[in-house]
Amino acid sequence: MIENDFFNIWNNVREKIENKEIECSSEKTVVFYFAWFVKEKYKNSKINFEKSIFNNFSDGKFLDLYIEIDCIRIGIEFKFLKKGSKHNTNQTESRIKIINDIKRISWLKEKNYIDYGYFFCITNENPYITEGRKKKSVDFKTYHKIKYIKDTVFPIDNEKSKETVKVLRDIEIIWENINSKLKILQKSQYAYLKISV
């Protein structure tokens, strides 16, 4: 029930962005609106932004969104990768961050800090969606339909997230709002990704 509700809330955020009912200017905007819709659905929820929850974890201390609903603990990480008018995002670094965020919430769940963990991502850049000929950090794969198999180990970034963390259940990266050529739909502003760990 929680998973369906949270995916529906994400779909609601996505729909409002696509219909331009939400001005999507930054990751913080996305996090705020998601929390707003959670509060509408679950009046008794307790919501904490940027919660310090990672004890002795190498890649940062703060979780984007921590929610409690009737003693159920939910941790969520978000990424908003938006090409500006002059520059692309740093795609190699951002691929690492996407996988590290999924790894972070998997670690929290494995260590019993949360009961449910989600990762949500928005981008207007196609290179995250396609395999391409990436030469740097090639283990950090975010392209459409790539799978991370249960009990395998997430890629390790020696600079940041050094922990060995197992994949808790099969994860398939499925980008939404893309066409058969793995390009963001022309009528759409963004591609969207949702992951449950």
N, C-alpha and C. Protein backbone atom coordinates (compact mmCIF):
# COMPACT_ATOMS: atom_id res chain seq x y z
N MET A 1 0.82 -1.20 0.00
CA MET A 1 0.00 0.00 0.00
C MET A 1 0.86 1.26 0.00
N ILE A 2 1.88 1.31 0.88
CA ILE A 2 2.77 2.48 0.93
C ILE A 2 3.43 2.68 -0.43
N GLU A 3 3.96 1.59 -1.01
CA GLU A 3 4.68 1.72 -2.27
C GLU A 3 3.77 2.25 -3.37
N ASN A 4 2.57 1.69 -3.48
CA ASN A 4 1.63 2.18 -4.49
C ASN A 4 1.30 3.65 -4.28
N ASP A 5 1.05 4.01 -3.02
CA ASP A 5 0.72 5.41 -2.71
C ASP A 5 1.86 6.34 -3.07
N PHE A 6 3.09 5.95 -2.74
CA PHE A 6 4.23 6.83 -2.99
C PHE A 6 4.54 6.92 -4.49
N PHE A 7 4.35 5.84 -5.20
CA PHE A 7 4.52 5.92 -6.66
C PHE A 7 3.42 6.77 -7.28
N ASN A 8 2.20 6.69 -6.73
CA ASN A 8 1.11 7.54 -7.22
C ASN A 8 1.39 9.02 -6.93
N ILE A 9 1.95 9.29 -5.77
CA ILE A 9 2.32 10.68 -5.43
C ILE A 9 3.38 11.18 -6.40
N TRP A 10 4.38 10.33 -6.70
CA TRP A 10 5.40 10.71 -7.67
C TRP A 10 4.78 10.98 -9.04
N ASN A 11 3.84 10.13 -9.44
CA ASN A 11 3.16 10.33 -10.72
C ASN A 11 2.38 11.64 -10.74
N ASN A 12 1.83 12.00 -9.59
CA ASN A 12 1.10 13.27 -9.47
C ASN A 12 2.05 14.46 -9.63
N VAL A 13 3.22 14.38 -8.98
CA VAL A 13 4.24 15.42 -9.13
C VAL A 13 4.64 15.53 -10.60
N ARG A 14 4.90 14.39 -11.20
CA ARG A 14 5.32 14.35 -12.60
C ARG A 14 4.27 14.98 -13.52
N GLU A 15 3.02 14.62 -13.30
CA GLU A 15 1.93 15.15 -14.14
C GLU A 15 1.83 16.66 -14.01
N LYS A 16 1.98 17.16 -12.80
CA LYS A 16 1.87 18.60 -12.59
C LYS A 16 3.07 19.35 -13.19
N ILE A 17 4.22 18.72 -13.18
CA ILE A 17 5.38 19.33 -13.85
C ILE A 17 5.14 19.37 -15.36
N GLU A 18 4.68 18.26 -15.90
CA GLU A 18 4.46 18.19 -17.35
C GLU A 18 3.36 19.14 -17.81
N ASN A 19 2.35 19.34 -16.96
CA ASN A 19 1.25 20.26 -17.29
C ASN A 19 1.58 21.71 -16.94
N LYS A 20 2.81 21.91 -16.43
CA LYS A 20 3.30 23.23 -16.05
C LYS A 20 2.47 23.88 -14.94
N GLU A 21 1.88 23.02 -14.10
CA GLU A 21 1.21 23.50 -12.89
C GLU A 21 2.23 23.75 -11.78
N ILE A 22 3.38 23.07 -11.90
CA ILE A 22 4.50 23.27 -10.98
C ILE A 22 5.66 23.84 -11.77
N GLU A 23 6.22 24.93 -11.29
CA GLU A 23 7.43 25.48 -11.90
C GLU A 23 8.61 24.74 -11.30
N CYS A 24 9.21 23.88 -12.08
CA CYS A 24 10.25 22.98 -11.58
C CYS A 24 11.62 23.62 -11.77
N SER A 25 12.04 24.40 -10.79
CA SER A 25 13.28 25.17 -10.93
C SER A 25 14.49 24.49 -10.29
N SER A 26 14.26 23.61 -9.32
CA SER A 26 15.39 23.00 -8.61
C SER A 26 14.95 21.70 -7.95
N GLU A 27 15.94 20.95 -7.48
CA GLU A 27 15.64 19.72 -6.76
C GLU A 27 14.83 20.00 -5.50
N LYS A 28 15.13 21.10 -4.83
CA LYS A 28 14.40 21.44 -3.59
C LYS A 28 12.91 21.65 -3.87
N THR A 29 12.59 22.21 -5.04
CA THR A 29 11.20 22.40 -5.42
C THR A 29 10.50 21.05 -5.55
N VAL A 30 11.16 20.10 -6.19
CA VAL A 30 10.59 18.76 -6.37
C VAL A 30 10.35 18.10 -5.01
N VAL A 31 11.35 18.18 -4.12
CA VAL A 31 11.24 17.59 -2.79
C VAL A 31 10.07 18.22 -2.03
N PHE A 32 9.96 19.55 -2.10
CA PHE A 32 8.89 20.25 -1.39
C PHE A 32 7.51 19.79 -1.86
N TYR A 33 7.31 19.76 -3.18
CA TYR A 33 6.00 19.37 -3.69
C TYR A 33 5.68 17.92 -3.37
N PHE A 34 6.68 17.06 -3.44
CA PHE A 34 6.44 15.66 -3.08
C PHE A 34 5.98 15.58 -1.62
N ALA A 35 6.66 16.29 -0.73
CA ALA A 35 6.29 16.29 0.69
C ALA A 35 4.88 16.86 0.89
N TRP A 36 4.57 17.88 0.13
CA TRP A 36 3.24 18.51 0.21
C TRP A 36 2.15 17.48 -0.11
N PHE A 37 2.37 16.72 -1.19
CA PHE A 37 1.36 15.74 -1.60
C PHE A 37 1.30 14.56 -0.63
N VAL A 38 2.43 14.22 -0.01
CA VAL A 38 2.41 13.19 1.03
C VAL A 38 1.53 13.66 2.19
N LYS A 39 1.70 14.91 2.58
CA LYS A 39 0.92 15.47 3.70
C LYS A 39 -0.57 15.51 3.38
N GLU A 40 -0.90 15.78 2.12
CA GLU A 40 -2.31 15.75 1.73
C GLU A 40 -2.90 14.36 1.85
N LYS A 41 -2.09 13.34 1.48
CA LYS A 41 -2.57 11.96 1.52
C LYS A 41 -2.58 11.40 2.94
N TYR A 42 -1.51 11.69 3.68
CA TYR A 42 -1.35 11.18 5.05
C TYR A 42 -1.28 12.36 6.01
N LYS A 43 -2.42 12.76 6.52
CA LYS A 43 -2.49 13.95 7.38
C LYS A 43 -1.63 13.81 8.64
N ASN A 44 -1.50 12.57 9.12
CA ASN A 44 -0.77 12.34 10.37
C ASN A 44 0.72 12.09 10.16
N SER A 45 1.20 12.25 8.93
CA SER A 45 2.61 11.98 8.65
C SER A 45 3.52 13.03 9.29
N LYS A 46 4.71 12.59 9.67
CA LYS A 46 5.75 13.49 10.18
C LYS A 46 6.83 13.57 9.10
N ILE A 47 7.15 14.77 8.68
CA ILE A 47 8.05 14.96 7.55
C ILE A 47 9.28 15.74 7.99
N ASN A 48 10.45 15.24 7.59
CA ASN A 48 11.71 15.88 7.96
C ASN A 48 12.57 16.03 6.70
N PHE A 49 12.93 17.27 6.38
CA PHE A 49 13.81 17.54 5.25
C PHE A 49 15.27 17.49 5.70
N GLU A 50 16.13 16.90 4.86
CA GLU A 50 17.56 16.86 5.15
C GLU A 50 17.86 16.29 6.54
N LYS A 51 17.27 15.15 6.82
CA LYS A 51 17.47 14.51 8.13
C LYS A 51 18.87 13.91 8.21
N SER A 52 19.54 14.16 9.33
CA SER A 52 20.84 13.56 9.59
C SER A 52 20.61 12.15 10.11
N ILE A 53 20.80 11.18 9.24
CA ILE A 53 20.45 9.80 9.59
C ILE A 53 21.60 8.83 9.34
N PHE A 54 22.59 9.26 8.56
CA PHE A 54 23.68 8.36 8.20
C PHE A 54 24.79 8.41 9.25
N ASN A 55 24.90 7.35 10.03
CA ASN A 55 25.97 7.25 11.01
C ASN A 55 27.13 6.46 10.40
N ASN A 56 28.29 7.08 10.36
CA ASN A 56 29.50 6.42 9.86
C ASN A 56 29.37 5.94 8.41
N PHE A 57 28.68 6.71 7.59
CA PHE A 57 28.58 6.41 6.16
C PHE A 57 29.41 7.44 5.42
N SER A 58 30.21 7.00 4.46
CA SER A 58 31.22 7.88 3.87
C SER A 58 30.64 8.97 2.97
N ASP A 59 29.49 8.73 2.35
CA ASP A 59 28.97 9.65 1.34
C ASP A 59 27.83 10.51 1.89
N GLY A 60 28.17 11.48 2.73
CA GLY A 60 27.19 12.44 3.21
C GLY A 60 26.41 11.99 4.43
N LYS A 61 25.84 12.97 5.11
CA LYS A 61 25.13 12.71 6.37
C LYS A 61 23.61 12.80 6.23
N PHE A 62 23.13 13.48 5.18
CA PHE A 62 21.72 13.89 5.17
C PHE A 62 20.90 13.14 4.13
N LEU A 63 19.68 12.82 4.52
CA LEU A 63 18.68 12.20 3.65
C LEU A 63 17.74 13.30 3.17
N ASP A 64 17.45 13.32 1.86
CA ASP A 64 16.61 14.39 1.31
C ASP A 64 15.27 14.50 2.02
N LEU A 65 14.61 13.37 2.22
CA LEU A 65 13.28 13.39 2.83
C LEU A 65 13.09 12.15 3.68
N TYR A 66 12.71 12.38 4.95
CA TYR A 66 12.43 11.29 5.88
C TYR A 66 11.00 11.47 6.36
N ILE A 67 10.20 10.41 6.25
CA ILE A 67 8.77 10.50 6.58
C ILE A 67 8.42 9.35 7.51
N GLU A 68 7.63 9.67 8.53
CA GLU A 68 7.06 8.64 9.41
C GLU A 68 5.56 8.67 9.28
N ILE A 69 4.98 7.49 9.04
CA ILE A 69 3.52 7.34 8.98
C ILE A 69 3.16 6.17 9.87
N ASP A 70 2.53 6.46 11.00
CA ASP A 70 2.14 5.40 11.94
C ASP A 70 3.31 4.45 12.23
N CYS A 71 4.45 5.01 12.59
CA CYS A 71 5.66 4.26 12.95
C CYS A 71 6.34 3.57 11.76
N ILE A 72 5.86 3.77 10.56
CA ILE A 72 6.54 3.28 9.36
C ILE A 72 7.51 4.36 8.91
N ARG A 73 8.78 3.98 8.73
CA ARG A 73 9.83 4.94 8.38
C ARG A 73 10.19 4.84 6.91
N ILE A 74 10.14 5.99 6.23
CA ILE A 74 10.37 6.03 4.79
C ILE A 74 11.50 7.01 4.50
N GLY A 75 12.48 6.55 3.72
CA GLY A 75 13.58 7.42 3.32
C GLY A 75 13.58 7.61 1.81
N ILE A 76 13.76 8.86 1.37
CA ILE A 76 13.71 9.15 -0.07
C ILE A 76 14.87 10.06 -0.46
N GLU A 77 15.49 9.71 -1.57
CA GLU A 77 16.50 10.55 -2.21
C GLU A 77 15.98 11.01 -3.57
N PHE A 78 16.33 12.24 -3.94
CA PHE A 78 15.88 12.83 -5.20
C PHE A 78 17.10 13.32 -5.99
N LYS A 79 16.98 13.28 -7.31
CA LYS A 79 17.95 13.93 -8.19
C LYS A 79 17.18 14.67 -9.28
N PHE A 80 17.60 15.92 -9.52
CA PHE A 80 17.02 16.74 -10.59
C PHE A 80 18.18 17.21 -11.45
N LEU A 81 18.35 16.57 -12.60
CA LEU A 81 19.50 16.81 -13.46
C LEU A 81 19.03 17.59 -14.68
N LYS A 82 19.22 18.90 -14.61
CA LYS A 82 18.64 19.79 -15.62
C LYS A 82 19.73 20.52 -16.39
N LYS A 83 19.70 20.33 -17.70
CA LYS A 83 20.61 21.07 -18.57
C LYS A 83 20.20 22.54 -18.58
N GLY A 84 21.20 23.41 -18.37
CA GLY A 84 20.93 24.84 -18.41
C GLY A 84 20.97 25.35 -19.83
N SER A 85 20.80 26.65 -19.98
CA SER A 85 20.80 27.25 -21.32
C SER A 85 22.17 27.17 -21.97
N LYS A 86 23.24 27.08 -21.16
CA LYS A 86 24.59 27.07 -21.72
C LYS A 86 25.35 25.77 -21.46
N HIS A 87 25.01 25.06 -20.40
CA HIS A 87 25.83 23.91 -20.01
C HIS A 87 24.98 22.68 -19.71
N ASN A 88 25.58 21.51 -19.98
CA ASN A 88 25.02 20.24 -19.53
C ASN A 88 25.41 20.03 -18.07
N THR A 89 24.75 19.05 -17.44
CA THR A 89 25.20 18.66 -16.10
C THR A 89 26.49 17.84 -16.28
N ASN A 90 27.19 17.63 -15.18
CA ASN A 90 28.37 16.75 -15.22
C ASN A 90 27.86 15.31 -15.22
N GLN A 91 27.76 14.72 -16.40
CA GLN A 91 27.06 13.44 -16.52
C GLN A 91 27.78 12.28 -15.83
N THR A 92 29.09 12.27 -15.87
CA THR A 92 29.82 11.19 -15.18
C THR A 92 29.59 11.28 -13.68
N GLU A 93 29.78 12.46 -13.13
CA GLU A 93 29.58 12.65 -11.69
C GLU A 93 28.14 12.37 -11.29
N SER A 94 27.20 12.79 -12.12
CA SER A 94 25.78 12.60 -11.79
C SER A 94 25.37 11.14 -11.87
N ARG A 95 25.93 10.37 -12.80
CA ARG A 95 25.65 8.92 -12.83
C ARG A 95 26.12 8.27 -11.52
N ILE A 96 27.29 8.68 -11.07
CA ILE A 96 27.81 8.16 -9.79
C ILE A 96 26.85 8.52 -8.66
N LYS A 97 26.37 9.76 -8.67
CA LYS A 97 25.47 10.22 -7.60
C LYS A 97 24.13 9.47 -7.63
N ILE A 98 23.63 9.19 -8.82
CA ILE A 98 22.37 8.43 -8.91
C ILE A 98 22.54 7.06 -8.25
N ILE A 99 23.58 6.34 -8.63
CA ILE A 99 23.78 5.00 -8.07
C ILE A 99 24.13 5.08 -6.59
N ASN A 100 24.91 6.08 -6.19
CA ASN A 100 25.23 6.23 -4.77
C ASN A 100 23.99 6.54 -3.94
N ASP A 101 23.04 7.30 -4.49
CA ASP A 101 21.80 7.57 -3.76
C ASP A 101 20.98 6.30 -3.58
N ILE A 102 20.91 5.48 -4.62
CA ILE A 102 20.20 4.20 -4.51
C ILE A 102 20.93 3.31 -3.50
N LYS A 103 22.24 3.36 -3.53
CA LYS A 103 23.06 2.61 -2.58
C LYS A 103 22.83 3.11 -1.15
N ARG A 104 22.75 4.43 -0.98
CA ARG A 104 22.55 5.02 0.36
C ARG A 104 21.23 4.56 0.99
N ILE A 105 20.16 4.61 0.20
CA ILE A 105 18.87 4.19 0.79
C ILE A 105 18.82 2.68 1.00
N SER A 106 19.54 1.93 0.16
CA SER A 106 19.65 0.48 0.38
C SER A 106 20.38 0.20 1.69
N TRP A 107 21.44 0.96 1.94
CA TRP A 107 22.21 0.83 3.18
C TRP A 107 21.33 1.14 4.40
N LEU A 108 20.53 2.21 4.30
CA LEU A 108 19.64 2.57 5.40
C LEU A 108 18.63 1.46 5.69
N LYS A 109 18.11 0.87 4.62
CA LYS A 109 17.13 -0.20 4.82
C LYS A 109 17.80 -1.45 5.38
N GLU A 110 18.97 -1.78 4.86
CA GLU A 110 19.71 -2.95 5.35
C GLU A 110 20.05 -2.81 6.83
N LYS A 111 20.38 -1.58 7.26
CA LYS A 111 20.75 -1.33 8.65
C LYS A 111 19.55 -1.05 9.54
N ASN A 112 18.34 -1.15 8.96
CA ASN A 112 17.09 -0.97 9.69
C ASN A 112 16.87 0.47 10.21
N TYR A 113 17.37 1.45 9.48
CA TYR A 113 17.06 2.85 9.78
C TYR A 113 15.75 3.27 9.13
N ILE A 114 15.36 2.56 8.06
CA ILE A 114 14.09 2.84 7.39
C ILE A 114 13.41 1.52 7.03
N ASP A 115 12.10 1.59 6.83
CA ASP A 115 11.33 0.42 6.40
C ASP A 115 11.14 0.38 4.89
N TYR A 116 11.05 1.57 4.28
CA TYR A 116 10.90 1.69 2.83
C TYR A 116 11.89 2.72 2.34
N GLY A 117 12.47 2.45 1.16
CA GLY A 117 13.40 3.41 0.58
C GLY A 117 13.09 3.64 -0.89
N TYR A 118 13.12 4.91 -1.30
CA TYR A 118 12.80 5.26 -2.68
C TYR A 118 13.82 6.25 -3.24
N PHE A 119 14.01 6.15 -4.55
CA PHE A 119 14.82 7.11 -5.27
C PHE A 119 14.01 7.62 -6.46
N PHE A 120 13.94 8.95 -6.59
CA PHE A 120 13.21 9.57 -7.70
C PHE A 120 14.15 10.53 -8.44
N CYS A 121 14.08 10.49 -9.76
CA CYS A 121 14.98 11.30 -10.57
C CYS A 121 14.24 11.92 -11.75
N ILE A 122 14.64 13.15 -12.09
CA ILE A 122 14.13 13.86 -13.26
C ILE A 122 15.33 14.37 -14.04
N THR A 123 15.27 14.24 -15.37
CA THR A 123 16.34 14.81 -16.19
C THR A 123 15.79 15.27 -17.54
N ASN A 124 16.45 16.26 -18.11
CA ASN A 124 16.13 16.67 -19.49
C ASN A 124 17.30 16.37 -20.42
N GLU A 125 18.18 15.45 -19.98
CA GLU A 125 19.35 15.06 -20.79
C GLU A 125 19.30 13.58 -21.13
N ASN A 126 19.45 13.28 -22.41
CA ASN A 126 19.35 11.90 -22.88
C ASN A 126 20.52 10.98 -22.49
N PRO A 127 21.76 11.47 -22.29
CA PRO A 127 22.86 10.54 -22.01
C PRO A 127 22.69 9.65 -20.77
N TYR A 128 21.86 10.07 -19.81
CA TYR A 128 21.62 9.20 -18.65
C TYR A 128 20.81 7.97 -19.05
N ILE A 129 20.03 8.12 -20.11
CA ILE A 129 19.06 7.11 -20.51
C ILE A 129 19.68 6.05 -21.42
N THR A 130 20.69 6.43 -22.18
CA THR A 130 21.30 5.53 -23.16
C THR A 130 22.64 4.98 -22.67
N GLU A 131 23.00 3.82 -23.15
CA GLU A 131 24.27 3.20 -22.74
C GLU A 131 25.45 3.99 -23.30
N GLY A 132 25.41 4.32 -24.56
CA GLY A 132 26.47 5.11 -25.17
C GLY A 132 27.84 4.46 -25.05
N ARG A 133 28.87 5.28 -25.20
CA ARG A 133 30.27 4.79 -25.11
C ARG A 133 30.99 5.49 -23.97
N LYS A 134 30.44 5.37 -22.81
CA LYS A 134 31.00 6.05 -21.66
C LYS A 134 32.37 5.47 -21.32
N LYS A 135 33.32 6.35 -21.01
CA LYS A 135 34.69 5.92 -20.74
C LYS A 135 35.08 6.03 -19.27
N LYS A 136 34.34 6.84 -18.52
CA LYS A 136 34.66 7.04 -17.10
C LYS A 136 33.57 6.44 -16.23
N SER A 137 33.98 5.84 -15.14
CA SER A 137 33.05 5.26 -14.16
C SER A 137 31.99 4.40 -14.85
N VAL A 138 32.46 3.49 -15.69
CA VAL A 138 31.55 2.70 -16.52
C VAL A 138 30.68 1.74 -15.72
N ASP A 139 31.07 1.42 -14.48
CA ASP A 139 30.26 0.53 -13.64
C ASP A 139 28.99 1.21 -13.14
N PHE A 140 28.97 2.53 -13.16
CA PHE A 140 27.82 3.29 -12.66
C PHE A 140 26.84 3.48 -13.82
N LYS A 141 25.97 2.49 -13.98
CA LYS A 141 25.10 2.41 -15.15
C LYS A 141 23.69 2.90 -14.79
N THR A 142 23.21 3.84 -15.59
CA THR A 142 21.87 4.38 -15.36
C THR A 142 20.98 4.25 -16.59
N TYR A 143 21.47 3.57 -17.61
CA TYR A 143 20.72 3.56 -18.86
C TYR A 143 19.48 2.66 -18.77
N HIS A 144 18.55 2.92 -19.68
CA HIS A 144 17.24 2.26 -19.70
C HIS A 144 17.39 0.74 -19.76
N LYS A 145 16.71 0.08 -18.83
CA LYS A 145 16.60 -1.38 -18.73
C LYS A 145 17.85 -2.07 -18.19
N ILE A 146 18.85 -1.32 -17.71
CA ILE A 146 19.97 -1.97 -17.02
C ILE A 146 19.45 -2.53 -15.69
N LYS A 147 19.98 -3.68 -15.28
CA LYS A 147 19.52 -4.32 -14.05
C LYS A 147 20.65 -4.44 -13.04
N TYR A 148 20.29 -4.22 -11.80
CA TYR A 148 21.16 -4.52 -10.66
C TYR A 148 20.48 -5.69 -9.94
N ILE A 149 21.18 -6.80 -9.87
CA ILE A 149 20.59 -8.06 -9.41
C ILE A 149 20.78 -8.23 -7.89
N LYS A 150 19.74 -8.72 -7.26
CA LYS A 150 19.74 -8.96 -5.81
C LYS A 150 21.00 -9.73 -5.39
N ASP A 151 21.58 -9.27 -4.28
CA ASP A 151 22.76 -9.88 -3.63
C ASP A 151 24.07 -9.59 -4.34
N THR A 152 24.04 -8.89 -5.49
CA THR A 152 25.29 -8.39 -6.05
C THR A 152 25.65 -7.11 -5.29
N VAL A 153 26.83 -6.59 -5.55
CA VAL A 153 27.30 -5.41 -4.82
C VAL A 153 27.22 -4.19 -5.74
N PHE A 154 26.72 -3.08 -5.20
CA PHE A 154 26.69 -1.84 -5.97
C PHE A 154 28.12 -1.42 -6.32
N PRO A 155 28.29 -0.70 -7.43
CA PRO A 155 29.63 -0.19 -7.75
C PRO A 155 30.16 0.67 -6.61
N ILE A 156 31.45 0.68 -6.45
CA ILE A 156 32.09 1.46 -5.37
C ILE A 156 32.87 2.61 -5.98
N ASP A 157 32.61 3.80 -5.44
CA ASP A 157 33.32 5.01 -5.85
C ASP A 157 34.37 5.29 -4.78
N ASN A 158 35.61 5.08 -5.10
CA ASN A 158 36.67 5.23 -4.09
C ASN A 158 36.79 6.63 -3.54
N GLU A 159 36.25 7.60 -4.27
CA GLU A 159 36.30 8.99 -3.81
C GLU A 159 35.28 9.25 -2.72
N LYS A 160 34.10 8.62 -2.84
CA LYS A 160 33.00 8.97 -1.93
C LYS A 160 32.44 7.75 -1.22
N SER A 161 31.52 7.06 -1.87
CA SER A 161 30.77 6.00 -1.20
C SER A 161 31.55 4.69 -1.23
N LYS A 162 32.36 4.47 -0.20
CA LYS A 162 33.30 3.36 -0.20
C LYS A 162 32.71 2.06 0.36
N GLU A 163 31.54 2.16 0.99
CA GLU A 163 30.96 0.98 1.62
C GLU A 163 30.58 -0.09 0.60
N THR A 164 30.71 -1.33 1.03
CA THR A 164 30.21 -2.45 0.24
C THR A 164 28.75 -2.66 0.63
N VAL A 165 27.86 -2.40 -0.31
CA VAL A 165 26.41 -2.51 -0.05
C VAL A 165 25.81 -3.43 -1.09
N LYS A 166 25.07 -4.44 -0.62
CA LYS A 166 24.42 -5.38 -1.53
C LYS A 166 23.09 -4.80 -2.03
N VAL A 167 22.75 -5.19 -3.25
CA VAL A 167 21.44 -4.88 -3.81
C VAL A 167 20.43 -5.75 -3.07
N LEU A 168 19.40 -5.12 -2.47
CA LEU A 168 18.47 -5.84 -1.60
C LEU A 168 17.41 -6.60 -2.37
N ARG A 169 17.06 -6.11 -3.55
CA ARG A 169 16.14 -6.82 -4.43
C ARG A 169 16.44 -6.38 -5.86
N ASP A 170 16.06 -7.18 -6.83
CA ASP A 170 16.36 -6.83 -8.22
C ASP A 170 15.87 -5.41 -8.52
N ILE A 171 16.74 -4.62 -9.12
CA ILE A 171 16.39 -3.25 -9.51
C ILE A 171 16.59 -3.15 -11.02
N GLU A 172 15.56 -2.68 -11.71
CA GLU A 172 15.68 -2.39 -13.14
C GLU A 172 15.44 -0.91 -13.34
N ILE A 173 16.37 -0.26 -14.03
CA ILE A 173 16.24 1.17 -14.32
C ILE A 173 15.27 1.31 -15.49
N ILE A 174 14.11 1.87 -15.22
CA ILE A 174 13.10 2.08 -16.27
C ILE A 174 12.79 3.58 -16.34
N TRP A 175 13.29 4.21 -17.37
CA TRP A 175 13.00 5.63 -17.58
C TRP A 175 11.63 5.77 -18.25
N GLU A 176 10.86 6.73 -17.76
CA GLU A 176 9.54 7.01 -18.32
C GLU A 176 9.57 8.31 -19.11
N ASN A 177 8.64 8.43 -20.05
CA ASN A 177 8.55 9.59 -20.96
C ASN A 177 9.67 9.57 -22.00
N ILE A 178 9.99 8.37 -22.48
CA ILE A 178 10.98 8.25 -23.55
C ILE A 178 10.36 7.48 -24.71
N ASN A 179 10.97 7.61 -25.89
CA ASN A 179 10.45 6.89 -27.06
C ASN A 179 11.29 5.64 -27.35
N SER A 180 10.98 4.97 -28.43
CA SER A 180 11.66 3.71 -28.75
C SER A 180 13.14 3.91 -29.08
N LYS A 181 13.52 5.15 -29.41
CA LYS A 181 14.93 5.46 -29.70
C LYS A 181 15.66 5.97 -28.45
N LEU A 182 15.02 5.81 -27.30
CA LEU A 182 15.59 6.21 -26.01
C LEU A 182 15.90 7.70 -25.97
N LYS A 183 14.98 8.46 -26.47
CA LYS A 183 15.06 9.93 -26.39
C LYS A 183 13.85 10.42 -25.61
N ILE A 184 14.03 11.50 -24.88
CA ILE A 184 12.91 12.10 -24.15
C ILE A 184 11.86 12.52 -25.17
N LEU A 185 10.61 12.22 -24.89
CA LEU A 185 9.52 12.55 -25.81
C LEU A 185 9.52 14.04 -26.12
N GLN A 186 9.28 14.38 -27.37
CA GLN A 186 9.30 15.79 -27.77
C GLN A 186 8.25 16.60 -27.04
N LYS A 187 7.11 15.98 -26.79
CA LYS A 187 6.04 16.72 -26.10
C LYS A 187 6.31 16.87 -24.61
N SER A 188 7.31 16.16 -24.13
CA SER A 188 7.60 16.14 -22.70
C SER A 188 8.80 17.03 -22.38
N GLN A 189 8.84 17.51 -21.16
CA GLN A 189 9.99 18.29 -20.71
C GLN A 189 11.12 17.40 -20.20
N TYR A 190 10.76 16.29 -19.58
CA TYR A 190 11.73 15.50 -18.84
C TYR A 190 11.47 14.01 -18.98
N ALA A 191 12.50 13.22 -18.63
CA ALA A 191 12.34 11.79 -18.37
C ALA A 191 12.34 11.59 -16.87
N TYR A 192 11.67 10.54 -16.42
CA TYR A 192 11.48 10.32 -14.98
C TYR A 192 11.87 8.89 -14.62
N LEU A 193 12.40 8.76 -13.40
CA LEU A 193 12.84 7.47 -12.90
C LEU A 193 12.35 7.29 -11.48
N LYS A 194 11.81 6.11 -11.18
CA LYS A 194 11.41 5.79 -9.81
C LYS A 194 11.96 4.43 -9.45
N ILE A 195 12.55 4.33 -8.27
CA ILE A 195 13.17 3.08 -7.81
C ILE A 195 12.72 2.82 -6.37
N SER A 196 12.38 1.58 -6.09
CA SER A 196 12.11 1.13 -4.73
C SER A 196 13.18 0.12 -4.35
N VAL A 197 13.76 0.26 -3.17
CA VAL A 197 14.80 -0.70 -2.75
C VAL A 197 14.26 -1.69 -1.74
